[in-house]
Amino acid sequence: GLSEFLRWIDSRPHVARALVTNAPKANVEFMMNVLGLAKFFPVVVLGEECKAAKPDPEPYRVALQRLGVRPTEAVVFEDSAAGIRAARGAGVATVGVTTALPAEQLKQLGCFMVIDDYRDPDLLETMRAWVEFPAPGVGS
């Protein structure tokens, strides 16, 4: 479902995207190329290139700055406790993905929504409202 979701997001040019990860640069480049994700993420923020990595909010703050958006104009998709703590610490609404942690733990960490995969109809409805009717200042 991720590929379809990314194509849907990509069809909305006013939606900026970034990949924020603690993975080593070589791994990120390899996976982005193998999975064909590079075109979907024009901004990549590596924890190793920041003052501090996740769970510190610094990588998400760097991504927000590079994208030119405020925390209230962004949403993060995370599957790790460190990532959720970092996103929430940066003031960004976070969707938990149950690839590594159970739904209840993702909710306890502060996720406003939890999904099993990117085909979740509630996710599409939420994102449709988010990107079709952006908050004032989004995209300007």
C-alpha atoms as a PDB file:
ATOM      1  CA  GLY A   1       0.000   0.000   0.000  1.00  0.00           C
ATOM      2  CA  LEU A   2       2.944   2.375   0.484  1.00  0.00           C
ATOM      3  CA  SER A   3       3.611   2.768  -3.241  1.00  0.00           C
ATOM      4  CA  GLU A   4       0.002   3.663  -3.968  1.00  0.00           C
ATOM      5  CA  PHE A   5      -0.107   6.074  -1.039  1.00  0.00           C
ATOM      6  CA  LEU A   6       3.092   7.801  -2.167  1.00  0.00           C
ATOM      7  CA  ARG A   7       1.765   8.132  -5.725  1.00  0.00           C
ATOM      8  CA  TRP A   8      -1.415   9.692  -4.313  1.00  0.00           C
ATOM      9  CA  ILE A   9       0.638  12.182  -2.262  1.00  0.00           C
ATOM     10  CA  ASP A  10       2.928  12.834  -5.242  1.00  0.00           C
ATOM     11  CA  SER A  11      -0.093  13.846  -7.327  1.00  0.00           C
ATOM     12  CA  ARG A  12      -0.584  16.797  -4.961  1.00  0.00           C
ATOM     13  CA  PRO A  13       2.337  19.100  -5.790  1.00  0.00           C
ATOM     14  CA  HIS A  14       1.700  21.413  -2.838  1.00  0.00           C
ATOM     15  CA  VAL A  15       2.510  18.589  -0.393  1.00  0.00           C
ATOM     16  CA  ALA A  16       6.195  18.646   0.571  1.00  0.00           C
ATOM     17  CA  ARG A  17       7.821  15.387   1.671  1.00  0.00           C
ATOM     18  CA  ALA A  18      10.908  14.376   3.587  1.00  0.00           C
ATOM     19  CA  LEU A  19      12.413  11.148   4.816  1.00  0.00           C
ATOM     20  CA  VAL A  20      13.841  11.356   8.340  1.00  0.00           C
ATOM     21  CA  THR A  21      15.843   8.356   9.490  1.00  0.00           C
ATOM     22  CA  ASN A  22      18.514   7.157  11.877  1.00  0.00           C
ATOM     23  CA  ALA A  23      19.706   4.578   9.326  1.00  0.00           C
ATOM     24  CA  PRO A  24      23.240   4.953   7.955  1.00  0.00           C
ATOM     25  CA  LYS A  25      23.545   6.895   4.689  1.00  0.00           C
ATOM     26  CA  ALA A  26      24.670   3.867   2.640  1.00  0.00           C
ATOM     27  CA  ASN A  27      21.637   1.850   3.773  1.00  0.00           C
ATOM     28  CA  VAL A  28      19.260   4.730   3.018  1.00  0.00           C
ATOM     29  CA  GLU A  29      20.654   5.268  -0.469  1.00  0.00           C
ATOM     30  CA  PHE A  30      20.515   1.544  -1.238  1.00  0.00           C
ATOM     31  CA  MET A  31      16.918   1.124  -0.015  1.00  0.00           C
ATOM     32  CA  MET A  32      15.706   4.321  -1.707  1.00  0.00           C
ATOM     33  CA  ASN A  33      17.106   3.091  -5.034  1.00  0.00           C
ATOM     34  CA  VAL A  34      15.948  -0.530  -4.699  1.00  0.00           C
ATOM     35  CA  LEU A  35      12.429   0.504  -3.677  1.00  0.00           C
ATOM     36  CA  GLY A  36      12.249   3.426  -6.108  1.00  0.00           C
ATOM     37  CA  LEU A  37      11.547   5.913  -3.327  1.00  0.00           C
ATOM     38  CA  ALA A  38      14.111   8.608  -4.166  1.00  0.00           C
ATOM     39  CA  LYS A  39      11.700  10.541  -6.389  1.00  0.00           C
ATOM     40  CA  PHE A  40       9.112  10.681  -3.605  1.00  0.00           C
ATOM     41  CA  PHE A  41      11.468  12.143  -1.002  1.00  0.00           C
ATOM     42  CA  PRO A  42      13.362  15.171  -2.318  1.00  0.00           C
ATOM     43  CA  VAL A  43      14.522  15.948   1.233  1.00  0.00           C
ATOM     44  CA  VAL A  44      16.363  13.306   3.248  1.00  0.00           C
ATOM     45  CA  VAL A  45      17.483  14.006   6.811  1.00  0.00           C
ATOM     46  CA  LEU A  46      19.876  11.538   8.392  1.00  0.00           C
ATOM     47  CA  GLY A  47      20.201  11.407  12.154  1.00  0.00           C
ATOM     48  CA  GLU A  48      23.975  11.032  11.786  1.00  0.00           C
ATOM     49  CA  GLU A  49      24.124  14.412  10.032  1.00  0.00           C
ATOM     50  CA  CYS A  50      22.227  16.242  12.778  1.00  0.00           C
ATOM     51  CA  LYS A  51      23.401  17.551  16.161  1.00  0.00           C
ATOM     52  CA  ALA A  52      21.430  14.678  17.687  1.00  0.00           C
ATOM     53  CA  ALA A  53      19.531  11.712  16.238  1.00  0.00           C
ATOM     54  CA  LYS A  54      16.085  10.405  17.142  1.00  0.00           C
ATOM     55  CA  PRO A  55      14.654  10.298  19.813  1.00  0.00           C
ATOM     56  CA  ASP A  56      15.851  13.898  19.896  1.00  0.00           C
ATOM     57  CA  PRO A  57      13.486  16.127  17.870  1.00  0.00           C
ATOM     58  CA  GLU A  58      16.411  17.710  15.970  1.00  0.00           C
ATOM     59  CA  PRO A  59      16.097  15.584  12.791  1.00  0.00           C
ATOM     60  CA  TYR A  60      12.417  16.504  12.437  1.00  0.00           C
ATOM     61  CA  ARG A  61      13.157  20.159  13.120  1.00  0.00           C
ATOM     62  CA  VAL A  62      15.770  20.070  10.364  1.00  0.00           C
ATOM     63  CA  ALA A  63      13.257  18.474   7.974  1.00  0.00           C
ATOM     64  CA  LEU A  64      10.615  21.092   8.792  1.00  0.00           C
ATOM     65  CA  GLN A  65      13.130  23.868   8.179  1.00  0.00           C
ATOM     66  CA  ARG A  66      14.269  22.389   4.857  1.00  0.00           C
ATOM     67  CA  LEU A  67      10.663  21.969   3.736  1.00  0.00           C
ATOM     68  CA  GLY A  68       9.690  25.452   4.903  1.00  0.00           C
ATOM     69  CA  VAL A  69       6.716  24.266   6.959  1.00  0.00           C
ATOM     70  CA  ARG A  70       5.617  24.685  10.556  1.00  0.00           C
ATOM     71  CA  PRO A  71       5.045  21.679  12.827  1.00  0.00           C
ATOM     72  CA  THR A  72       1.281  22.282  12.686  1.00  0.00           C
ATOM     73  CA  GLU A  73       1.430  21.932   8.886  1.00  0.00           C
ATOM     74  CA  ALA A  74       3.078  18.521   8.948  1.00  0.00           C
ATOM     75  CA  VAL A  75       2.324  14.904   9.689  1.00  0.00           C
ATOM     76  CA  VAL A  76       4.844  12.173  10.436  1.00  0.00           C
ATOM     77  CA  PHE A  77       4.516   8.434   9.857  1.00  0.00           C
ATOM     78  CA  GLU A  78       6.541   6.452  12.393  1.00  0.00           C
ATOM     79  CA  ASP A  79       6.873   2.880  13.593  1.00  0.00           C
ATOM     80  CA  SER A  80       9.455   3.252  16.365  1.00  0.00           C
ATOM     81  CA  ALA A  81       9.298   4.668  19.864  1.00  0.00           C
ATOM     82  CA  ALA A  82      12.387   6.819  19.202  1.00  0.00           C
ATOM     83  CA  GLY A  83      10.851   8.219  16.029  1.00  0.00           C
ATOM     84  CA  ILE A  84       7.520   8.979  17.665  1.00  0.00           C
ATOM     85  CA  ARG A  85       9.230  10.721  20.576  1.00  0.00           C
ATOM     86  CA  ALA A  86      11.271  12.778  18.107  1.00  0.00           C
ATOM     87  CA  ALA A  87       8.263  13.764  15.997  1.00  0.00           C
ATOM     88  CA  ARG A  88       6.093  14.603  18.993  1.00  0.00           C
ATOM     89  CA  GLY A  89       9.003  16.520  20.549  1.00  0.00           C
ATOM     90  CA  ALA A  90       9.167  18.594  17.365  1.00  0.00           C
ATOM     91  CA  GLY A  91       5.446  19.296  17.730  1.00  0.00           C
ATOM     92  CA  VAL A  92       4.342  17.257  14.714  1.00  0.00           C
ATOM     93  CA  ALA A  93       1.158  15.167  14.591  1.00  0.00           C
ATOM     94  CA  THR A  94       2.165  11.537  14.228  1.00  0.00           C
ATOM     95  CA  VAL A  95       0.583   8.475  12.639  1.00  0.00           C
ATOM     96  CA  GLY A  96       1.825   5.222  14.136  1.00  0.00           C
ATOM     97  CA  VAL A  97       2.436   2.280  11.819  1.00  0.00           C
ATOM     98  CA  THR A  98       2.200  -1.140  13.470  1.00  0.00           C
ATOM     99  CA  THR A  99       5.235  -2.670  11.754  1.00  0.00           C
ATOM    100  CA  ALA A 100       7.331  -2.755  14.934  1.00  0.00           C
ATOM    101  CA  LEU A 101       5.075  -1.898  17.889  1.00  0.00           C
ATOM    102  CA  PRO A 102       1.487  -2.804  18.839  1.00  0.00           C
ATOM    103  CA  ALA A 103      -1.279  -0.252  18.311  1.00  0.00           C
ATOM    104  CA  GLU A 104      -1.808   0.366  22.025  1.00  0.00           C
ATOM    105  CA  GLN A 105       1.846   1.264  22.562  1.00  0.00           C
ATOM    106  CA  LEU A 106       1.804   3.608  19.546  1.00  0.00           C
ATOM    107  CA  LYS A 107      -1.223   5.383  21.026  1.00  0.00           C
ATOM    108  CA  GLN A 108       0.454   5.625  24.432  1.00  0.00           C
ATOM    109  CA  LEU A 109       3.463   7.240  22.764  1.00  0.00           C
ATOM    110  CA  GLY A 110       1.192   9.987  21.417  1.00  0.00           C
ATOM    111  CA  CYS A 111       0.135   8.962  17.919  1.00  0.00           C
ATOM    112  CA  PHE A 112      -3.171  10.569  16.916  1.00  0.00           C
ATOM    113  CA  MET A 113      -3.879   7.674  14.535  1.00  0.00           C
ATOM    114  CA  VAL A 114      -2.592   4.122  14.206  1.00  0.00           C
ATOM    115  CA  ILE A 115      -2.578   2.129  10.970  1.00  0.00           C
ATOM    116  CA  ASP A 116      -1.591  -1.414  10.040  1.00  0.00           C
ATOM    117  CA  ASP A 117      -0.748  -0.388   6.476  1.00  0.00           C
ATOM    118  CA  TYR A 118      -1.126   2.509   4.069  1.00  0.00           C
ATOM    119  CA  ARG A 119      -4.375   1.153   2.604  1.00  0.00           C
ATOM    120  CA  ASP A 120      -6.277   2.051   5.767  1.00  0.00           C
ATOM    121  CA  PRO A 121      -9.465   3.885   4.671  1.00  0.00           C
ATOM    122  CA  ASP A 122      -9.366   6.163   7.740  1.00  0.00           C
ATOM    123  CA  LEU A 123      -5.848   7.225   6.782  1.00  0.00           C
ATOM    124  CA  LEU A 124      -6.901   8.126   3.264  1.00  0.00           C
ATOM    125  CA  GLU A 125      -9.887  10.082   4.552  1.00  0.00           C
ATOM    126  CA  THR A 126      -7.739  11.945   7.088  1.00  0.00           C
ATOM    127  CA  MET A 127      -5.003  12.717   4.582  1.00  0.00           C
ATOM    128  CA  ARG A 128      -7.511  13.784   1.945  1.00  0.00           C
ATOM    129  CA  ALA A 129      -8.904  16.365   4.367  1.00  0.00           C
ATOM    130  CA  TRP A 130      -5.384  17.404   5.395  1.00  0.00           C
ATOM    131  CA  VAL A 131      -4.001  17.955   1.894  1.00  0.00           C
ATOM    132  CA  GLU A 132      -7.120  19.153   0.106  1.00  0.00           C
ATOM    133  CA  PHE A 133      -7.884  21.754   2.760  1.00  0.00           C
ATOM    134  CA  PRO A 134      -4.471  22.703   4.180  1.00  0.00           C
ATOM    135  CA  ALA A 135      -4.034  24.921   7.178  1.00  0.00           C
ATOM    136  CA  PRO A 136      -3.448  28.618   6.455  1.00  0.00           C
ATOM    137  CA  GLY A 137       0.083  29.191   5.250  1.00  0.00           C
ATOM    138  CA  VAL A 138       0.602  25.678   3.847  1.00  0.00           C
ATOM    139  CA  GLY A 139       2.183  25.846   0.447  1.00  0.00           C
ATOM    140  CA  SER A 140       2.781  29.601   0.601  1.00  0.00           C
END
